[in-house]
Amino acid sequence: MASPITQIKKKEWTSEEIRQQKLYELETLIAEQNEALNKLLAIAGDLDDAGVLDAVLAMVKAKEGIAEVVMEQATREPVTNLINNMMSAAGALTAINPESTGRLATSAVKGLKEAEEQNQNGKKIGVFQLVKALRDPDINRTIKFGLNFLRGMGKELGK
């Protein structure tokens, strides 16, 4: 009968064996990914021929100077105004019901199309036609909407 195992010896790899194993794994990976590596090398060659790699290398070496210029430009008043305006506009847009925004945008597009079509006829509008237009439900609805919009905007501006 065999004697029981009482000790397990763990094989210690030498640094040369570890190096050989890693080289073998790398060699296998290169063989498996030969086509992809060829494409990457072709891309790198094209980038080098175009001078892109030299530009990237110069940018990496000058990173502190570039960062300083970027920070100077980003802290200029026009840029900070732009950022603040975008944040305010985003805040205002989040407060508006998306259905209302969609309906208003669609209405504006339809209005622009009709205005372009009617503008081509070259006819002038007289005072009586203007008064008559106020009776048109579509025009009346738009004028009412505009007046209510101006009223709400005026109330907010008065605060």
N, C-alpha and C. Protein backbone atom coordinates (compact mmCIF):
# COMPACT_ATOMS: atom_id res chain seq x y z
N MET A 1 0.83 -1.18 0.00
CA MET A 1 0.00 0.00 0.00
C MET A 1 0.88 1.24 0.00
N ALA A 2 0.38 2.28 -0.66
CA ALA A 2 1.16 3.51 -0.76
C ALA A 2 1.07 4.30 0.52
N SER A 3 2.10 5.02 0.77
CA SER A 3 2.09 5.86 1.98
C SER A 3 1.36 7.17 1.68
N PRO A 4 0.65 7.73 2.64
CA PRO A 4 -0.10 8.98 2.43
C PRO A 4 0.85 10.16 2.19
N ILE A 5 0.32 11.13 1.43
CA ILE A 5 1.10 12.34 1.16
C ILE A 5 0.96 13.26 2.37
N THR A 6 2.07 13.62 2.89
CA THR A 6 2.05 14.48 4.07
C THR A 6 2.60 15.87 3.77
N GLN A 7 3.27 15.99 2.65
CA GLN A 7 3.85 17.29 2.28
C GLN A 7 3.61 17.55 0.81
N ILE A 8 3.31 18.82 0.50
CA ILE A 8 3.18 19.23 -0.90
C ILE A 8 4.30 20.21 -1.18
N LYS A 9 5.09 19.84 -2.18
CA LYS A 9 6.20 20.73 -2.53
C LYS A 9 5.74 21.64 -3.66
N LYS A 10 5.81 22.92 -3.42
CA LYS A 10 5.46 23.91 -4.43
C LYS A 10 6.71 24.22 -5.23
N LYS A 11 6.54 24.13 -6.57
CA LYS A 11 7.68 24.39 -7.45
C LYS A 11 7.94 25.89 -7.49
N GLU A 12 9.12 26.27 -7.20
CA GLU A 12 9.54 27.67 -7.27
C GLU A 12 10.14 27.92 -8.64
N TRP A 13 9.58 28.89 -9.35
CA TRP A 13 10.06 29.22 -10.68
C TRP A 13 11.23 30.19 -10.55
N THR A 14 12.21 29.98 -11.35
CA THR A 14 13.33 30.92 -11.37
C THR A 14 12.94 32.10 -12.25
N SER A 15 13.65 33.17 -12.12
CA SER A 15 13.34 34.35 -12.92
C SER A 15 13.53 34.06 -14.41
N GLU A 16 14.48 33.20 -14.76
CA GLU A 16 14.69 32.83 -16.16
C GLU A 16 13.53 32.00 -16.69
N GLU A 17 12.97 31.11 -15.87
CA GLU A 17 11.82 30.30 -16.29
C GLU A 17 10.58 31.18 -16.46
N ILE A 18 10.40 32.14 -15.57
CA ILE A 18 9.27 33.08 -15.67
C ILE A 18 9.40 33.91 -16.94
N ARG A 19 10.62 34.34 -17.21
CA ARG A 19 10.88 35.12 -18.43
C ARG A 19 10.59 34.29 -19.67
N GLN A 20 11.02 33.06 -19.68
CA GLN A 20 10.77 32.18 -20.82
C GLN A 20 9.27 31.94 -21.01
N GLN A 21 8.55 31.75 -19.91
CA GLN A 21 7.10 31.53 -19.98
C GLN A 21 6.40 32.76 -20.56
N LYS A 22 6.80 33.94 -20.11
CA LYS A 22 6.19 35.17 -20.63
C LYS A 22 6.51 35.36 -22.10
N LEU A 23 7.71 35.06 -22.52
CA LEU A 23 8.08 35.16 -23.93
C LEU A 23 7.25 34.19 -24.77
N TYR A 24 7.03 32.99 -24.26
CA TYR A 24 6.23 32.01 -24.97
C TYR A 24 4.78 32.51 -25.12
N GLU A 25 4.21 33.07 -24.03
CA GLU A 25 2.84 33.60 -24.08
C GLU A 25 2.75 34.75 -25.09
N LEU A 26 3.75 35.62 -25.09
CA LEU A 26 3.77 36.74 -26.03
C LEU A 26 3.89 36.24 -27.47
N GLU A 27 4.74 35.26 -27.69
CA GLU A 27 4.90 34.68 -29.02
C GLU A 27 3.59 34.06 -29.51
N THR A 28 2.90 33.37 -28.63
CA THR A 28 1.61 32.76 -28.98
C THR A 28 0.59 33.84 -29.32
N LEU A 29 0.53 34.89 -28.52
CA LEU A 29 -0.41 35.98 -28.75
C LEU A 29 -0.12 36.68 -30.08
N ILE A 30 1.14 36.89 -30.39
CA ILE A 30 1.51 37.52 -31.66
C ILE A 30 1.08 36.65 -32.82
N ALA A 31 1.28 35.35 -32.70
CA ALA A 31 0.88 34.43 -33.77
C ALA A 31 -0.63 34.44 -33.97
N GLU A 32 -1.38 34.50 -32.87
CA GLU A 32 -2.84 34.49 -32.96
C GLU A 32 -3.39 35.81 -33.50
N GLN A 33 -2.75 36.92 -33.19
CA GLN A 33 -3.25 38.24 -33.57
C GLN A 33 -2.39 38.88 -34.67
N ASN A 34 -1.84 38.07 -35.53
CA ASN A 34 -0.93 38.54 -36.56
C ASN A 34 -1.56 39.61 -37.44
N GLU A 35 -2.77 39.38 -37.91
CA GLU A 35 -3.44 40.33 -38.82
C GLU A 35 -3.72 41.67 -38.13
N ALA A 36 -4.20 41.61 -36.88
CA ALA A 36 -4.49 42.84 -36.14
C ALA A 36 -3.20 43.63 -35.90
N LEU A 37 -2.13 42.94 -35.56
CA LEU A 37 -0.85 43.63 -35.32
C LEU A 37 -0.33 44.27 -36.61
N ASN A 38 -0.50 43.59 -37.72
CA ASN A 38 -0.06 44.18 -39.00
C ASN A 38 -0.84 45.46 -39.29
N LYS A 39 -2.14 45.46 -39.01
CA LYS A 39 -2.95 46.65 -39.23
C LYS A 39 -2.51 47.79 -38.31
N LEU A 40 -2.27 47.45 -37.04
CA LEU A 40 -1.80 48.48 -36.09
C LEU A 40 -0.47 49.08 -36.52
N LEU A 41 0.43 48.23 -36.97
CA LEU A 41 1.73 48.72 -37.42
C LEU A 41 1.58 49.59 -38.68
N ALA A 42 0.66 49.22 -39.56
CA ALA A 42 0.42 50.04 -40.76
C ALA A 42 -0.13 51.40 -40.37
N ILE A 43 -1.07 51.41 -39.42
CA ILE A 43 -1.64 52.68 -38.94
C ILE A 43 -0.55 53.55 -38.31
N ALA A 44 0.27 52.92 -37.46
CA ALA A 44 1.35 53.67 -36.81
C ALA A 44 2.31 54.23 -37.86
N GLY A 45 2.61 53.44 -38.90
CA GLY A 45 3.49 53.92 -39.97
C GLY A 45 2.89 55.10 -40.71
N ASP A 46 1.60 55.02 -41.01
CA ASP A 46 0.93 56.13 -41.70
C ASP A 46 0.92 57.38 -40.83
N LEU A 47 0.65 57.21 -39.53
CA LEU A 47 0.65 58.36 -38.62
C LEU A 47 2.04 58.99 -38.54
N ASP A 48 3.07 58.16 -38.54
CA ASP A 48 4.44 58.68 -38.49
C ASP A 48 4.78 59.41 -39.79
N ASP A 49 4.37 58.83 -40.93
CA ASP A 49 4.63 59.49 -42.21
C ASP A 49 3.95 60.85 -42.29
N ALA A 50 2.76 60.96 -41.70
CA ALA A 50 2.01 62.22 -41.74
C ALA A 50 2.52 63.22 -40.70
N GLY A 51 3.42 62.80 -39.83
CA GLY A 51 3.96 63.70 -38.81
C GLY A 51 3.10 63.78 -37.56
N VAL A 52 2.06 62.96 -37.49
CA VAL A 52 1.16 63.02 -36.33
C VAL A 52 1.87 62.55 -35.07
N LEU A 53 2.67 61.49 -35.18
CA LEU A 53 3.36 60.98 -33.99
C LEU A 53 4.36 62.00 -33.45
N ASP A 54 5.02 62.72 -34.34
CA ASP A 54 5.94 63.78 -33.89
C ASP A 54 5.18 64.88 -33.14
N ALA A 55 4.00 65.23 -33.68
CA ALA A 55 3.18 66.26 -33.03
C ALA A 55 2.71 65.79 -31.66
N VAL A 56 2.29 64.54 -31.56
CA VAL A 56 1.84 64.00 -30.27
C VAL A 56 2.99 63.97 -29.29
N LEU A 57 4.15 63.55 -29.74
CA LEU A 57 5.33 63.52 -28.88
C LEU A 57 5.68 64.92 -28.38
N ALA A 58 5.63 65.91 -29.27
CA ALA A 58 5.90 67.29 -28.87
C ALA A 58 4.87 67.78 -27.86
N MET A 59 3.61 67.39 -28.06
CA MET A 59 2.55 67.80 -27.12
C MET A 59 2.77 67.17 -25.75
N VAL A 60 3.18 65.91 -25.72
CA VAL A 60 3.44 65.24 -24.45
C VAL A 60 4.60 65.91 -23.73
N LYS A 61 5.64 66.27 -24.46
CA LYS A 61 6.79 66.94 -23.85
C LYS A 61 6.42 68.34 -23.35
N ALA A 62 5.48 69.00 -24.04
CA ALA A 62 5.10 70.38 -23.67
C ALA A 62 3.79 70.40 -22.90
N LYS A 63 3.44 69.32 -22.22
CA LYS A 63 2.12 69.22 -21.58
C LYS A 63 1.86 70.32 -20.56
N GLU A 64 2.87 70.74 -19.81
CA GLU A 64 2.65 71.79 -18.82
C GLU A 64 2.33 73.12 -19.49
N GLY A 65 3.05 73.45 -20.53
CA GLY A 65 2.79 74.69 -21.27
C GLY A 65 1.42 74.68 -21.92
N ILE A 66 1.05 73.53 -22.49
CA ILE A 66 -0.26 73.41 -23.13
C ILE A 66 -1.36 73.54 -22.09
N ALA A 67 -1.18 72.88 -20.95
CA ALA A 67 -2.19 72.96 -19.88
C ALA A 67 -2.35 74.40 -19.39
N GLU A 68 -1.25 75.13 -19.33
CA GLU A 68 -1.30 76.53 -18.90
C GLU A 68 -2.10 77.38 -19.89
N VAL A 69 -1.86 77.17 -21.19
CA VAL A 69 -2.59 77.92 -22.22
C VAL A 69 -4.07 77.57 -22.17
N VAL A 70 -4.38 76.28 -22.03
CA VAL A 70 -5.79 75.86 -21.97
C VAL A 70 -6.48 76.50 -20.78
N MET A 71 -5.83 76.52 -19.64
CA MET A 71 -6.43 77.12 -18.44
C MET A 71 -6.62 78.63 -18.61
N GLU A 72 -5.66 79.29 -19.24
CA GLU A 72 -5.81 80.72 -19.49
C GLU A 72 -7.01 81.00 -20.39
N GLN A 73 -7.17 80.19 -21.43
CA GLN A 73 -8.28 80.38 -22.36
C GLN A 73 -9.61 80.04 -21.70
N ALA A 74 -9.62 79.01 -20.88
CA ALA A 74 -10.88 78.56 -20.25
C ALA A 74 -11.36 79.54 -19.19
N THR A 75 -10.47 80.32 -18.61
CA THR A 75 -10.87 81.25 -17.55
C THR A 75 -11.15 82.66 -18.07
N ARG A 76 -11.07 82.86 -19.40
CA ARG A 76 -11.40 84.17 -19.96
C ARG A 76 -12.89 84.43 -19.77
N GLU A 77 -13.25 85.71 -19.65
CA GLU A 77 -14.64 86.09 -19.39
C GLU A 77 -15.62 85.57 -20.45
N PRO A 78 -15.31 85.66 -21.75
CA PRO A 78 -16.28 85.14 -22.73
C PRO A 78 -16.56 83.64 -22.55
N VAL A 79 -15.52 82.88 -22.20
CA VAL A 79 -15.70 81.44 -22.02
C VAL A 79 -16.53 81.16 -20.78
N THR A 80 -16.24 81.85 -19.68
CA THR A 80 -17.03 81.63 -18.46
C THR A 80 -18.47 82.10 -18.67
N ASN A 81 -18.66 83.19 -19.43
CA ASN A 81 -20.03 83.62 -19.75
C ASN A 81 -20.77 82.54 -20.55
N LEU A 82 -20.08 81.96 -21.52
CA LEU A 82 -20.68 80.90 -22.33
C LEU A 82 -21.09 79.72 -21.45
N ILE A 83 -20.22 79.30 -20.56
CA ILE A 83 -20.53 78.18 -19.67
C ILE A 83 -21.72 78.52 -18.77
N ASN A 84 -21.71 79.71 -18.20
CA ASN A 84 -22.83 80.12 -17.33
C ASN A 84 -24.14 80.20 -18.11
N ASN A 85 -24.09 80.75 -19.33
CA ASN A 85 -25.29 80.82 -20.16
C ASN A 85 -25.82 79.44 -20.52
N MET A 86 -24.91 78.52 -20.84
CA MET A 86 -25.33 77.16 -21.17
C MET A 86 -25.98 76.49 -19.95
N MET A 87 -25.42 76.71 -18.78
CA MET A 87 -26.00 76.12 -17.57
C MET A 87 -27.37 76.72 -17.28
N SER A 88 -27.52 78.02 -17.48
CA SER A 88 -28.82 78.66 -17.27
C SER A 88 -29.84 78.16 -18.28
N ALA A 89 -29.43 78.06 -19.54
CA ALA A 89 -30.34 77.56 -20.58
C ALA A 89 -30.74 76.12 -20.30
N ALA A 90 -29.79 75.31 -19.86
CA ALA A 90 -30.11 73.92 -19.53
C ALA A 90 -31.09 73.87 -18.36
N GLY A 91 -30.89 74.73 -17.37
CA GLY A 91 -31.83 74.79 -16.25
C GLY A 91 -33.22 75.19 -16.68
N ALA A 92 -33.30 76.16 -17.58
CA ALA A 92 -34.61 76.60 -18.08
C ALA A 92 -35.27 75.50 -18.90
N LEU A 93 -34.50 74.81 -19.71
CA LEU A 93 -35.07 73.74 -20.53
C LEU A 93 -35.58 72.58 -19.67
N THR A 94 -34.92 72.31 -18.55
CA THR A 94 -35.40 71.22 -17.70
C THR A 94 -36.70 71.59 -17.00
N ALA A 95 -36.99 72.88 -16.88
CA ALA A 95 -38.23 73.31 -16.22
C ALA A 95 -39.43 73.30 -17.18
N ILE A 96 -39.17 73.19 -18.48
CA ILE A 96 -40.25 73.23 -19.48
C ILE A 96 -40.73 71.81 -19.76
N ASN A 97 -42.05 71.67 -19.89
CA ASN A 97 -42.65 70.39 -20.23
C ASN A 97 -42.21 70.01 -21.65
N PRO A 98 -41.61 68.83 -21.85
CA PRO A 98 -41.13 68.44 -23.18
C PRO A 98 -42.24 68.41 -24.24
N GLU A 99 -43.46 68.08 -23.84
CA GLU A 99 -44.55 68.07 -24.81
C GLU A 99 -44.83 69.48 -25.33
N SER A 100 -44.76 70.46 -24.43
CA SER A 100 -44.98 71.85 -24.85
C SER A 100 -43.87 72.30 -25.80
N THR A 101 -42.64 71.94 -25.48
CA THR A 101 -41.51 72.32 -26.33
C THR A 101 -41.65 71.69 -27.71
N GLY A 102 -42.02 70.41 -27.74
CA GLY A 102 -42.20 69.73 -29.02
C GLY A 102 -43.31 70.34 -29.85
N ARG A 103 -44.43 70.64 -29.20
CA ARG A 103 -45.57 71.24 -29.91
C ARG A 103 -45.19 72.62 -30.44
N LEU A 104 -44.48 73.41 -29.63
CA LEU A 104 -44.07 74.75 -30.05
C LEU A 104 -43.09 74.67 -31.22
N ALA A 105 -42.15 73.73 -31.16
CA ALA A 105 -41.17 73.59 -32.26
C ALA A 105 -41.87 73.16 -33.55
N THR A 106 -42.78 72.22 -33.44
CA THR A 106 -43.51 71.76 -34.62
C THR A 106 -44.35 72.89 -35.21
N SER A 107 -44.98 73.67 -34.33
CA SER A 107 -45.79 74.80 -34.79
C SER A 107 -44.92 75.84 -35.49
N ALA A 108 -43.74 76.10 -34.94
CA ALA A 108 -42.85 77.09 -35.55
C ALA A 108 -42.40 76.63 -36.93
N VAL A 109 -42.10 75.34 -37.08
CA VAL A 109 -41.69 74.82 -38.38
C VAL A 109 -42.83 74.96 -39.39
N LYS A 110 -44.03 74.59 -38.98
CA LYS A 110 -45.20 74.70 -39.87
C LYS A 110 -45.44 76.17 -40.25
N GLY A 111 -45.31 77.08 -39.25
CA GLY A 111 -45.50 78.50 -39.51
C GLY A 111 -44.47 79.04 -40.49
N LEU A 112 -43.21 78.62 -40.35
CA LEU A 112 -42.17 79.07 -41.27
C LEU A 112 -42.43 78.58 -42.69
N LYS A 113 -42.88 77.33 -42.82
CA LYS A 113 -43.17 76.81 -44.16
C LYS A 113 -44.30 77.59 -44.83
N GLU A 114 -45.37 77.84 -44.06
CA GLU A 114 -46.51 78.57 -44.62
C GLU A 114 -46.12 80.01 -44.94
N ALA A 115 -45.30 80.62 -44.08
CA ALA A 115 -44.88 82.00 -44.34
C ALA A 115 -44.06 82.07 -45.63
N GLU A 116 -43.18 81.10 -45.84
CA GLU A 116 -42.39 81.08 -47.07
C GLU A 116 -43.28 80.92 -48.30
N GLU A 117 -44.27 80.03 -48.20
CA GLU A 117 -45.17 79.81 -49.33
C GLU A 117 -45.97 81.08 -49.65
N GLN A 118 -46.53 81.72 -48.63
CA GLN A 118 -47.38 82.89 -48.83
C GLN A 118 -46.57 84.13 -49.19
N ASN A 119 -45.32 84.15 -48.80
CA ASN A 119 -44.47 85.32 -49.08
C ASN A 119 -44.13 85.41 -50.57
N GLN A 120 -44.26 84.32 -51.28
CA GLN A 120 -43.91 84.28 -52.70
C GLN A 120 -44.92 85.00 -53.59
N ASN A 121 -46.18 85.18 -53.10
CA ASN A 121 -47.21 85.75 -53.99
C ASN A 121 -47.03 87.25 -54.21
N GLY A 122 -46.31 87.96 -53.38
CA GLY A 122 -46.00 89.38 -53.59
C GLY A 122 -47.13 90.34 -53.27
N LYS A 123 -48.27 89.86 -52.77
CA LYS A 123 -49.39 90.75 -52.45
C LYS A 123 -49.13 91.47 -51.13
N LYS A 124 -49.61 92.73 -51.08
CA LYS A 124 -49.53 93.51 -49.85
C LYS A 124 -50.78 93.26 -49.02
N ILE A 125 -50.66 93.45 -47.71
CA ILE A 125 -51.81 93.27 -46.82
C ILE A 125 -52.31 94.64 -46.41
N GLY A 126 -53.61 94.82 -46.57
CA GLY A 126 -54.23 96.09 -46.19
C GLY A 126 -54.75 96.02 -44.75
N VAL A 127 -55.21 97.15 -44.26
CA VAL A 127 -55.71 97.25 -42.88
C VAL A 127 -56.94 96.36 -42.69
N PHE A 128 -57.83 96.35 -43.68
CA PHE A 128 -59.04 95.53 -43.55
C PHE A 128 -58.69 94.03 -43.54
N GLN A 129 -57.69 93.63 -44.31
CA GLN A 129 -57.27 92.24 -44.31
C GLN A 129 -56.65 91.87 -42.95
N LEU A 130 -55.97 92.82 -42.34
CA LEU A 130 -55.38 92.59 -41.03
C LEU A 130 -56.46 92.38 -39.98
N VAL A 131 -57.50 93.23 -39.99
CA VAL A 131 -58.61 93.10 -39.05
C VAL A 131 -59.34 91.78 -39.31
N LYS A 132 -59.54 91.45 -40.58
CA LYS A 132 -60.20 90.20 -40.93
C LYS A 132 -59.37 89.00 -40.45
N ALA A 133 -58.06 89.10 -40.51
CA ALA A 133 -57.17 88.02 -40.09
C ALA A 133 -57.33 87.73 -38.60
N LEU A 134 -57.67 88.77 -37.80
CA LEU A 134 -57.85 88.56 -36.37
C LEU A 134 -59.02 87.62 -36.08
N ARG A 135 -59.96 87.50 -37.03
CA ARG A 135 -61.10 86.60 -36.86
C ARG A 135 -60.73 85.15 -37.20
N ASP A 136 -59.61 84.95 -37.89
CA ASP A 136 -59.16 83.59 -38.22
C ASP A 136 -58.75 82.90 -36.91
N PRO A 137 -59.33 81.73 -36.58
CA PRO A 137 -59.02 81.07 -35.31
C PRO A 137 -57.55 80.74 -35.13
N ASP A 138 -56.86 80.36 -36.20
CA ASP A 138 -55.44 80.02 -36.09
C ASP A 138 -54.60 81.25 -35.74
N ILE A 139 -54.88 82.35 -36.43
CA ILE A 139 -54.13 83.60 -36.16
C ILE A 139 -54.47 84.11 -34.77
N ASN A 140 -55.76 84.05 -34.40
CA ASN A 140 -56.19 84.52 -33.09
C ASN A 140 -55.51 83.70 -31.99
N ARG A 141 -55.42 82.38 -32.19
CA ARG A 141 -54.78 81.50 -31.20
C ARG A 141 -53.32 81.87 -31.03
N THR A 142 -52.65 82.17 -32.12
CA THR A 142 -51.23 82.54 -32.07
C THR A 142 -51.03 83.89 -31.39
N ILE A 143 -51.88 84.85 -31.71
CA ILE A 143 -51.76 86.17 -31.08
C ILE A 143 -52.03 86.06 -29.58
N LYS A 144 -53.04 85.27 -29.22
CA LYS A 144 -53.35 85.07 -27.80
C LYS A 144 -52.17 84.42 -27.08
N PHE A 145 -51.59 83.41 -27.73
CA PHE A 145 -50.42 82.74 -27.15
C PHE A 145 -49.28 83.73 -26.95
N GLY A 146 -49.00 84.54 -27.98
CA GLY A 146 -47.92 85.53 -27.90
C GLY A 146 -48.16 86.56 -26.82
N LEU A 147 -49.40 87.05 -26.71
CA LEU A 147 -49.70 88.04 -25.68
C LEU A 147 -49.55 87.44 -24.28
N ASN A 148 -50.02 86.20 -24.10
CA ASN A 148 -49.86 85.54 -22.79
C ASN A 148 -48.40 85.27 -22.48
N PHE A 149 -47.65 84.92 -23.50
CA PHE A 149 -46.20 84.73 -23.33
C PHE A 149 -45.55 86.03 -22.87
N LEU A 150 -45.88 87.13 -23.54
CA LEU A 150 -45.30 88.43 -23.16
C LEU A 150 -45.73 88.84 -21.75
N ARG A 151 -46.99 88.54 -21.39
CA ARG A 151 -47.47 88.87 -20.05
C ARG A 151 -46.66 88.10 -18.99
N GLY A 152 -46.49 86.80 -19.19
CA GLY A 152 -45.71 85.99 -18.24
C GLY A 152 -44.27 86.42 -18.14
N MET A 153 -43.70 86.74 -19.29
CA MET A 153 -42.31 87.18 -19.31
C MET A 153 -42.17 88.53 -18.60
N GLY A 154 -43.13 89.42 -18.82
CA GLY A 154 -43.11 90.73 -18.15
C GLY A 154 -43.24 90.60 -16.64
N LYS A 155 -44.10 89.69 -16.18
CA LYS A 155 -44.24 89.46 -14.74
C LYS A 155 -42.92 89.01 -14.13
N GLU A 156 -42.22 88.10 -14.82
CA GLU A 156 -40.96 87.60 -14.30
C GLU A 156 -39.89 88.68 -14.34
N LEU A 157 -39.90 89.51 -15.39
CA LEU A 157 -38.91 90.59 -15.47
C LEU A 157 -39.15 91.65 -14.40
N GLY A 158 -40.40 91.79 -13.96
CA GLY A 158 -40.73 92.79 -12.95
C GLY A 158 -40.26 92.40 -11.55
N LYS A 159 -39.89 91.18 -11.35
CA LYS A 159 -39.46 90.73 -10.01
C LYS A 159 -38.11 91.27 -9.64
